[in-house]
Amino acid sequence: MFGFNFELLEENNYPDYNQLQIKTLELLNENQNIALHDRFKNILIDEFQDIDSVQMRIC
């Protein structure tokens, strides 16, 4: 059950959760036109105490 094949995900270009976070950060940094802070006054972050450094940079 826990022998998940991460190579299969990579071969089929399916990112895992961490890769999604990194790609989101890269996208926001590269394209200032889609910056969330320009579109929204407030953004709710649930479980703020549990975010990691990549998630903090996205905020």
N, C-alpha and C. Protein backbone atom coordinates (compact mmCIF):
# COMPACT_ATOMS: atom_id res chain seq x y z
N MET A 1 0.81 -1.19 0.00
CA MET A 1 0.00 0.00 0.00
C MET A 1 0.86 1.26 0.00
N PHE A 2 1.97 1.26 0.73
CA PHE A 2 2.82 2.44 0.80
C PHE A 2 3.93 2.44 -0.24
N GLY A 3 3.95 1.46 -1.11
CA GLY A 3 4.96 1.39 -2.14
C GLY A 3 4.59 2.20 -3.36
N PHE A 4 4.12 3.42 -3.15
CA PHE A 4 3.68 4.27 -4.25
C PHE A 4 4.83 4.56 -5.20
N ASN A 5 4.55 4.53 -6.47
CA ASN A 5 5.57 4.70 -7.48
C ASN A 5 5.69 6.18 -7.89
N PHE A 6 6.62 6.89 -7.25
CA PHE A 6 6.81 8.30 -7.56
C PHE A 6 7.43 8.48 -8.94
N GLU A 7 8.17 7.49 -9.41
CA GLU A 7 8.73 7.56 -10.75
C GLU A 7 7.62 7.61 -11.80
N LEU A 8 6.54 6.89 -11.55
CA LEU A 8 5.40 6.90 -12.46
C LEU A 8 4.80 8.30 -12.56
N LEU A 9 4.72 9.00 -11.43
CA LEU A 9 4.23 10.37 -11.45
C LEU A 9 5.14 11.26 -12.29
N GLU A 10 6.43 11.13 -12.08
CA GLU A 10 7.39 11.95 -12.80
C GLU A 10 7.37 11.65 -14.30
N GLU A 11 7.29 10.38 -14.66
CA GLU A 11 7.25 9.99 -16.07
C GLU A 11 6.03 10.55 -16.78
N ASN A 12 4.93 10.70 -16.06
CA ASN A 12 3.69 11.19 -16.66
C ASN A 12 3.45 12.67 -16.39
N ASN A 13 4.48 13.34 -15.87
CA ASN A 13 4.43 14.78 -15.61
C ASN A 13 3.33 15.17 -14.61
N TYR A 14 3.14 14.34 -13.58
CA TYR A 14 2.19 14.63 -12.52
C TYR A 14 2.98 15.09 -11.29
N PRO A 15 2.86 16.35 -10.92
CA PRO A 15 3.64 16.84 -9.77
C PRO A 15 3.06 16.38 -8.44
N ASP A 16 3.93 16.24 -7.45
CA ASP A 16 3.44 15.97 -6.10
C ASP A 16 3.13 17.31 -5.43
N TYR A 17 2.68 17.26 -4.19
CA TYR A 17 2.24 18.48 -3.49
C TYR A 17 3.36 19.51 -3.39
N ASN A 18 4.56 19.07 -3.02
CA ASN A 18 5.68 20.00 -2.88
C ASN A 18 6.05 20.64 -4.22
N GLN A 19 6.03 19.85 -5.28
CA GLN A 19 6.32 20.40 -6.60
C GLN A 19 5.27 21.42 -7.03
N LEU A 20 4.01 21.18 -6.66
CA LEU A 20 2.95 22.15 -6.97
C LEU A 20 3.21 23.47 -6.26
N GLN A 21 3.65 23.40 -5.03
CA GLN A 21 3.94 24.63 -4.28
C GLN A 21 5.09 25.39 -4.93
N ILE A 22 6.13 24.69 -5.30
CA ILE A 22 7.30 25.33 -5.90
C ILE A 22 6.93 25.94 -7.25
N LYS A 23 6.17 25.22 -8.06
CA LYS A 23 5.74 25.75 -9.36
C LYS A 23 4.84 26.97 -9.19
N THR A 24 3.98 26.95 -8.17
CA THR A 24 3.13 28.11 -7.90
C THR A 24 3.97 29.32 -7.54
N LEU A 25 4.95 29.13 -6.68
CA LEU A 25 5.83 30.22 -6.29
C LEU A 25 6.59 30.76 -7.51
N GLU A 26 7.11 29.88 -8.34
CA GLU A 26 7.82 30.30 -9.55
C GLU A 26 6.90 31.09 -10.48
N LEU A 27 5.68 30.61 -10.65
CA LEU A 27 4.72 31.29 -11.51
C LEU A 27 4.40 32.69 -11.00
N LEU A 28 4.18 32.81 -9.70
CA LEU A 28 3.88 34.12 -9.12
C LEU A 28 5.07 35.07 -9.22
N ASN A 29 6.27 34.55 -9.06
CA ASN A 29 7.47 35.38 -9.15
C ASN A 29 7.75 35.83 -10.58
N GLU A 30 7.47 34.97 -11.55
CA GLU A 30 7.76 35.27 -12.95
C GLU A 30 6.70 36.16 -13.59
N ASN A 31 5.47 36.11 -13.10
CA ASN A 31 4.38 36.82 -13.72
C ASN A 31 3.70 37.73 -12.72
N GLN A 32 4.18 38.94 -12.62
CA GLN A 32 3.63 39.88 -11.66
C GLN A 32 2.17 40.24 -11.96
N ASN A 33 1.72 39.99 -13.18
CA ASN A 33 0.34 40.30 -13.56
C ASN A 33 -0.68 39.44 -12.81
N ILE A 34 -0.24 38.30 -12.29
CA ILE A 34 -1.19 37.42 -11.61
C ILE A 34 -0.99 37.42 -10.10
N ALA A 35 -0.23 38.39 -9.61
CA ALA A 35 0.01 38.46 -8.17
C ALA A 35 -1.30 38.60 -7.41
N LEU A 36 -1.50 37.74 -6.45
CA LEU A 36 -2.75 37.72 -5.71
C LEU A 36 -2.95 38.97 -4.86
N HIS A 37 -1.88 39.55 -4.36
CA HIS A 37 -2.02 40.71 -3.49
C HIS A 37 -2.59 41.92 -4.22
N ASP A 38 -2.50 41.95 -5.54
CA ASP A 38 -3.09 43.03 -6.31
C ASP A 38 -4.58 42.82 -6.55
N ARG A 39 -5.03 41.58 -6.44
CA ARG A 39 -6.42 41.25 -6.76
C ARG A 39 -7.31 41.13 -5.53
N PHE A 40 -6.71 40.79 -4.40
CA PHE A 40 -7.49 40.53 -3.20
C PHE A 40 -6.97 41.36 -2.04
N LYS A 41 -7.87 41.94 -1.28
CA LYS A 41 -7.48 42.72 -0.11
C LYS A 41 -7.00 41.80 1.01
N ASN A 42 -7.70 40.68 1.22
CA ASN A 42 -7.35 39.73 2.27
C ASN A 42 -7.39 38.31 1.71
N ILE A 43 -6.51 37.48 2.23
CA ILE A 43 -6.49 36.06 1.87
C ILE A 43 -6.47 35.27 3.18
N LEU A 44 -7.43 34.39 3.34
CA LEU A 44 -7.52 33.58 4.55
C LEU A 44 -6.57 32.39 4.44
N ILE A 45 -5.77 32.21 5.47
CA ILE A 45 -4.83 31.09 5.53
C ILE A 45 -5.18 30.25 6.74
N ASP A 46 -5.69 29.06 6.49
CA ASP A 46 -6.05 28.16 7.56
C ASP A 46 -4.80 27.43 8.06
N GLU A 47 -4.72 27.19 9.34
CA GLU A 47 -3.59 26.48 9.95
C GLU A 47 -2.26 27.18 9.65
N PHE A 48 -2.24 28.50 9.81
CA PHE A 48 -1.06 29.30 9.50
C PHE A 48 0.19 28.79 10.23
N GLN A 49 0.02 28.31 11.44
CA GLN A 49 1.17 27.85 12.22
C GLN A 49 1.85 26.63 11.61
N ASP A 50 1.20 25.97 10.67
CA ASP A 50 1.75 24.75 10.07
C ASP A 50 2.32 24.95 8.68
N ILE A 51 2.41 26.19 8.19
CA ILE A 51 2.92 26.38 6.83
C ILE A 51 4.43 26.29 6.81
N ASP A 52 4.96 25.92 5.66
CA ASP A 52 6.41 25.82 5.51
C ASP A 52 6.94 27.08 4.80
N SER A 53 8.24 27.13 4.55
CA SER A 53 8.84 28.34 4.00
C SER A 53 8.35 28.67 2.59
N VAL A 54 8.08 27.65 1.78
CA VAL A 54 7.56 27.90 0.43
C VAL A 54 6.16 28.48 0.51
N GLN A 55 5.33 27.93 1.36
CA GLN A 55 3.97 28.45 1.52
C GLN A 55 4.01 29.87 2.05
N MET A 56 4.93 30.18 2.94
CA MET A 56 5.04 31.53 3.47
C MET A 56 5.42 32.51 2.36
N ARG A 57 6.29 32.12 1.48
CA ARG A 57 6.69 33.00 0.38
C ARG A 57 5.54 33.20 -0.61
N ILE A 58 4.68 32.22 -0.76
CA ILE A 58 3.50 32.38 -1.63
C ILE A 58 2.54 33.41 -1.04
N CYS A 59 2.46 33.42 0.30
CA CYS A 59 1.57 34.38 0.98
C CYS A 59 2.02 35.78 0.73
